[in-house]
Amino acid sequence: MGNLIIGIILGIALLRLKSWSRWIAIIASVVQLLFVPHEIALAQGSISIIRTGLRTLLFVWAIWYLTRPHVKTAFKSA
């Protein structure tokens, strides 16, 4: 329940282009990537591995996107 509330607050802040939310989203994505090896080790079946792989791609994409120059500029100007 706590993750859901934090996610909603962070999502709203990202939509409003709050500069702090960009950094928190990047940090949260990096932290989630640290858990990928553990999730793969505990995966039971190919569905779990595919789900972990897709989540990994999502976090990598989020980090990549939030570090693009035009995105940085958008968060600074808001």
N, C-alpha and C. Protein backbone atom coordinates (compact mmCIF):
# COMPACT_ATOMS: atom_id res chain seq x y z
N MET A 1 0.82 -1.19 0.00
CA MET A 1 0.00 0.00 0.00
C MET A 1 0.87 1.26 0.00
N GLY A 2 1.96 1.22 0.74
CA GLY A 2 2.87 2.36 0.80
C GLY A 2 3.50 2.67 -0.55
N ASN A 3 3.91 1.60 -1.28
CA ASN A 3 4.49 1.80 -2.61
C ASN A 3 3.49 2.43 -3.56
N LEU A 4 2.24 2.04 -3.45
CA LEU A 4 1.20 2.60 -4.31
C LEU A 4 1.04 4.10 -4.07
N ILE A 5 0.98 4.48 -2.82
CA ILE A 5 0.82 5.89 -2.47
C ILE A 5 2.03 6.70 -2.95
N ILE A 6 3.22 6.18 -2.70
CA ILE A 6 4.44 6.87 -3.16
C ILE A 6 4.45 6.97 -4.67
N GLY A 7 4.06 5.89 -5.36
CA GLY A 7 4.02 5.90 -6.81
C GLY A 7 3.04 6.93 -7.36
N ILE A 8 1.90 7.04 -6.73
CA ILE A 8 0.90 8.03 -7.19
C ILE A 8 1.41 9.45 -6.97
N ILE A 9 2.00 9.72 -5.81
CA ILE A 9 2.55 11.04 -5.54
C ILE A 9 3.67 11.37 -6.51
N LEU A 10 4.56 10.41 -6.74
CA LEU A 10 5.66 10.62 -7.68
C LEU A 10 5.15 10.83 -9.10
N GLY A 11 4.15 10.06 -9.50
CA GLY A 11 3.57 10.21 -10.82
C GLY A 11 2.95 11.59 -11.04
N ILE A 12 2.23 12.07 -10.04
CA ILE A 12 1.63 13.41 -10.13
C ILE A 12 2.72 14.47 -10.21
N ALA A 13 3.76 14.32 -9.40
CA ALA A 13 4.86 15.29 -9.41
C ALA A 13 5.59 15.27 -10.75
N LEU A 14 5.76 14.09 -11.34
CA LEU A 14 6.40 14.01 -12.66
C LEU A 14 5.54 14.70 -13.71
N LEU A 15 4.24 14.50 -13.65
CA LEU A 15 3.35 15.16 -14.61
C LEU A 15 3.38 16.68 -14.45
N ARG A 16 3.61 17.14 -13.24
CA ARG A 16 3.67 18.60 -12.99
C ARG A 16 5.09 19.15 -13.18
N LEU A 17 6.01 18.27 -13.63
CA LEU A 17 7.40 18.64 -13.94
C LEU A 17 8.15 19.22 -12.75
N LYS A 18 7.93 18.65 -11.58
CA LYS A 18 8.69 19.05 -10.39
C LYS A 18 10.11 18.51 -10.52
N SER A 19 11.11 19.35 -10.35
CA SER A 19 12.50 18.92 -10.58
C SER A 19 12.92 17.80 -9.63
N TRP A 20 12.45 17.83 -8.39
CA TRP A 20 12.81 16.79 -7.43
C TRP A 20 12.25 15.43 -7.83
N SER A 21 11.12 15.42 -8.51
CA SER A 21 10.50 14.14 -8.87
C SER A 21 11.33 13.40 -9.92
N ARG A 22 11.98 14.15 -10.80
CA ARG A 22 12.84 13.52 -11.81
C ARG A 22 13.97 12.76 -11.14
N TRP A 23 14.61 13.39 -10.16
CA TRP A 23 15.70 12.73 -9.46
C TRP A 23 15.23 11.54 -8.63
N ILE A 24 14.11 11.66 -8.00
CA ILE A 24 13.59 10.54 -7.21
C ILE A 24 13.23 9.37 -8.12
N ALA A 25 12.66 9.65 -9.29
CA ALA A 25 12.32 8.58 -10.23
C ALA A 25 13.58 7.89 -10.74
N ILE A 26 14.63 8.64 -11.00
CA ILE A 26 15.90 8.04 -11.44
C ILE A 26 16.48 7.17 -10.33
N ILE A 27 16.51 7.68 -9.12
CA ILE A 27 17.04 6.92 -7.99
C ILE A 27 16.22 5.67 -7.74
N ALA A 28 14.89 5.78 -7.79
CA ALA A 28 14.03 4.62 -7.57
C ALA A 28 14.26 3.56 -8.64
N SER A 29 14.47 3.99 -9.88
CA SER A 29 14.71 3.03 -10.96
C SER A 29 16.04 2.31 -10.77
N VAL A 30 17.07 3.05 -10.35
CA VAL A 30 18.37 2.43 -10.09
C VAL A 30 18.26 1.42 -8.95
N VAL A 31 17.55 1.80 -7.90
CA VAL A 31 17.38 0.88 -6.76
C VAL A 31 16.65 -0.39 -7.21
N GLN A 32 15.62 -0.23 -8.03
CA GLN A 32 14.90 -1.41 -8.52
C GLN A 32 15.80 -2.30 -9.37
N LEU A 33 16.71 -1.70 -10.13
CA LEU A 33 17.63 -2.50 -10.94
C LEU A 33 18.58 -3.32 -10.06
N LEU A 34 18.87 -2.84 -8.87
CA LEU A 34 19.74 -3.60 -7.97
C LEU A 34 19.09 -4.91 -7.51
N PHE A 35 17.77 -4.97 -7.56
CA PHE A 35 17.06 -6.17 -7.12
C PHE A 35 16.84 -7.19 -8.24
N VAL A 36 17.21 -6.85 -9.46
CA VAL A 36 16.97 -7.75 -10.59
C VAL A 36 17.65 -9.11 -10.42
N PRO A 37 18.93 -9.17 -10.05
CA PRO A 37 19.55 -10.50 -9.87
C PRO A 37 18.82 -11.36 -8.84
N HIS A 38 18.38 -10.75 -7.77
CA HIS A 38 17.64 -11.48 -6.74
C HIS A 38 16.31 -12.01 -7.28
N GLU A 39 15.61 -11.16 -8.05
CA GLU A 39 14.33 -11.58 -8.62
C GLU A 39 14.51 -12.73 -9.61
N ILE A 40 15.56 -12.68 -10.39
CA ILE A 40 15.82 -13.76 -11.35
C ILE A 40 16.17 -15.04 -10.61
N ALA A 41 16.94 -14.93 -9.54
CA ALA A 41 17.31 -16.11 -8.76
C ALA A 41 16.08 -16.77 -8.13
N LEU A 42 15.09 -15.98 -7.77
CA LEU A 42 13.88 -16.52 -7.14
C LEU A 42 12.79 -16.88 -8.15
N ALA A 43 13.02 -16.54 -9.41
CA ALA A 43 11.99 -16.77 -10.43
C ALA A 43 11.69 -18.25 -10.57
N GLN A 44 10.40 -18.54 -10.65
CA GLN A 44 9.96 -19.92 -10.84
C GLN A 44 9.19 -20.00 -12.15
N GLY A 45 9.89 -20.34 -13.18
CA GLY A 45 9.26 -20.47 -14.48
C GLY A 45 9.59 -19.31 -15.40
N SER A 46 9.29 -19.54 -16.65
CA SER A 46 9.65 -18.55 -17.68
C SER A 46 8.81 -17.28 -17.58
N ILE A 47 7.58 -17.39 -17.09
CA ILE A 47 6.73 -16.19 -16.97
C ILE A 47 7.37 -15.20 -16.00
N SER A 48 7.89 -15.67 -14.88
CA SER A 48 8.53 -14.79 -13.90
C SER A 48 9.78 -14.15 -14.48
N ILE A 49 10.53 -14.90 -15.25
CA ILE A 49 11.75 -14.36 -15.86
C ILE A 49 11.39 -13.31 -16.91
N ILE A 50 10.37 -13.56 -17.71
CA ILE A 50 9.93 -12.59 -18.71
C ILE A 50 9.43 -11.32 -18.04
N ARG A 51 8.64 -11.46 -16.99
CA ARG A 51 8.13 -10.30 -16.26
C ARG A 51 9.28 -9.48 -15.68
N THR A 52 10.28 -10.15 -15.11
CA THR A 52 11.45 -9.45 -14.57
C THR A 52 12.21 -8.75 -15.68
N GLY A 53 12.34 -9.40 -16.83
CA GLY A 53 13.02 -8.78 -17.97
C GLY A 53 12.31 -7.55 -18.46
N LEU A 54 10.99 -7.61 -18.53
CA LEU A 54 10.21 -6.45 -18.97
C LEU A 54 10.30 -5.30 -17.97
N ARG A 55 10.25 -5.62 -16.70
CA ARG A 55 10.41 -4.58 -15.67
C ARG A 55 11.79 -3.95 -15.76
N THR A 56 12.81 -4.78 -16.01
CA THR A 56 14.16 -4.26 -16.16
C THR A 56 14.24 -3.29 -17.33
N LEU A 57 13.65 -3.66 -18.45
CA LEU A 57 13.64 -2.77 -19.62
C LEU A 57 12.92 -1.46 -19.29
N LEU A 58 11.84 -1.53 -18.55
CA LEU A 58 11.10 -0.33 -18.17
C LEU A 58 11.96 0.60 -17.32
N PHE A 59 12.67 0.05 -16.33
CA PHE A 59 13.50 0.88 -15.46
C PHE A 59 14.67 1.48 -16.23
N VAL A 60 15.29 0.70 -17.12
CA VAL A 60 16.39 1.21 -17.94
C VAL A 60 15.88 2.32 -18.85
N TRP A 61 14.71 2.12 -19.45
CA TRP A 61 14.13 3.15 -20.32
C TRP A 61 13.83 4.42 -19.52
N ALA A 62 13.29 4.28 -18.31
CA ALA A 62 12.96 5.45 -17.49
C ALA A 62 14.22 6.25 -17.18
N ILE A 63 15.29 5.57 -16.82
CA ILE A 63 16.55 6.26 -16.54
C ILE A 63 17.06 6.96 -17.79
N TRP A 64 17.04 6.25 -18.91
CA TRP A 64 17.51 6.82 -20.18
C TRP A 64 16.68 8.06 -20.54
N TYR A 65 15.37 7.94 -20.47
CA TYR A 65 14.49 9.04 -20.86
C TYR A 65 14.66 10.25 -19.94
N LEU A 66 14.69 10.03 -18.65
CA LEU A 66 14.78 11.14 -17.70
C LEU A 66 16.13 11.84 -17.72
N THR A 67 17.13 11.25 -18.38
CA THR A 67 18.44 11.88 -18.49
C THR A 67 18.66 12.54 -19.85
N ARG A 68 17.67 12.52 -20.73
CA ARG A 68 17.79 13.19 -22.04
C ARG A 68 17.82 14.70 -21.82
N PRO A 69 18.60 15.41 -22.66
CA PRO A 69 18.73 16.86 -22.50
C PRO A 69 17.40 17.61 -22.55
N HIS A 70 16.51 17.26 -23.47
CA HIS A 70 15.24 17.99 -23.57
C HIS A 70 14.35 17.74 -22.35
N VAL A 71 14.46 16.60 -21.75
CA VAL A 71 13.67 16.31 -20.55
C VAL A 71 14.23 17.08 -19.36
N LYS A 72 15.56 17.11 -19.23
CA LYS A 72 16.20 17.90 -18.17
C LYS A 72 15.76 19.36 -18.27
N THR A 73 15.77 19.88 -19.50
CA THR A 73 15.38 21.28 -19.72
C THR A 73 13.92 21.51 -19.33
N ALA A 74 13.06 20.57 -19.67
CA ALA A 74 11.64 20.72 -19.33
C ALA A 74 11.44 20.77 -17.82
N PHE A 75 12.18 19.98 -17.08
CA PHE A 75 12.02 19.97 -15.63
C PHE A 75 12.65 21.21 -14.99
N LYS A 76 13.68 21.77 -15.61
CA LYS A 76 14.30 22.99 -15.07
C LYS A 76 13.43 24.21 -15.31
N SER A 77 12.76 24.25 -16.45
CA SER A 77 11.99 25.44 -16.80
C SER A 77 10.63 25.49 -16.10
N ALA A 78 10.20 24.38 -15.55
CA ALA A 78 8.87 24.35 -14.89
C ALA A 78 8.92 24.91 -13.50
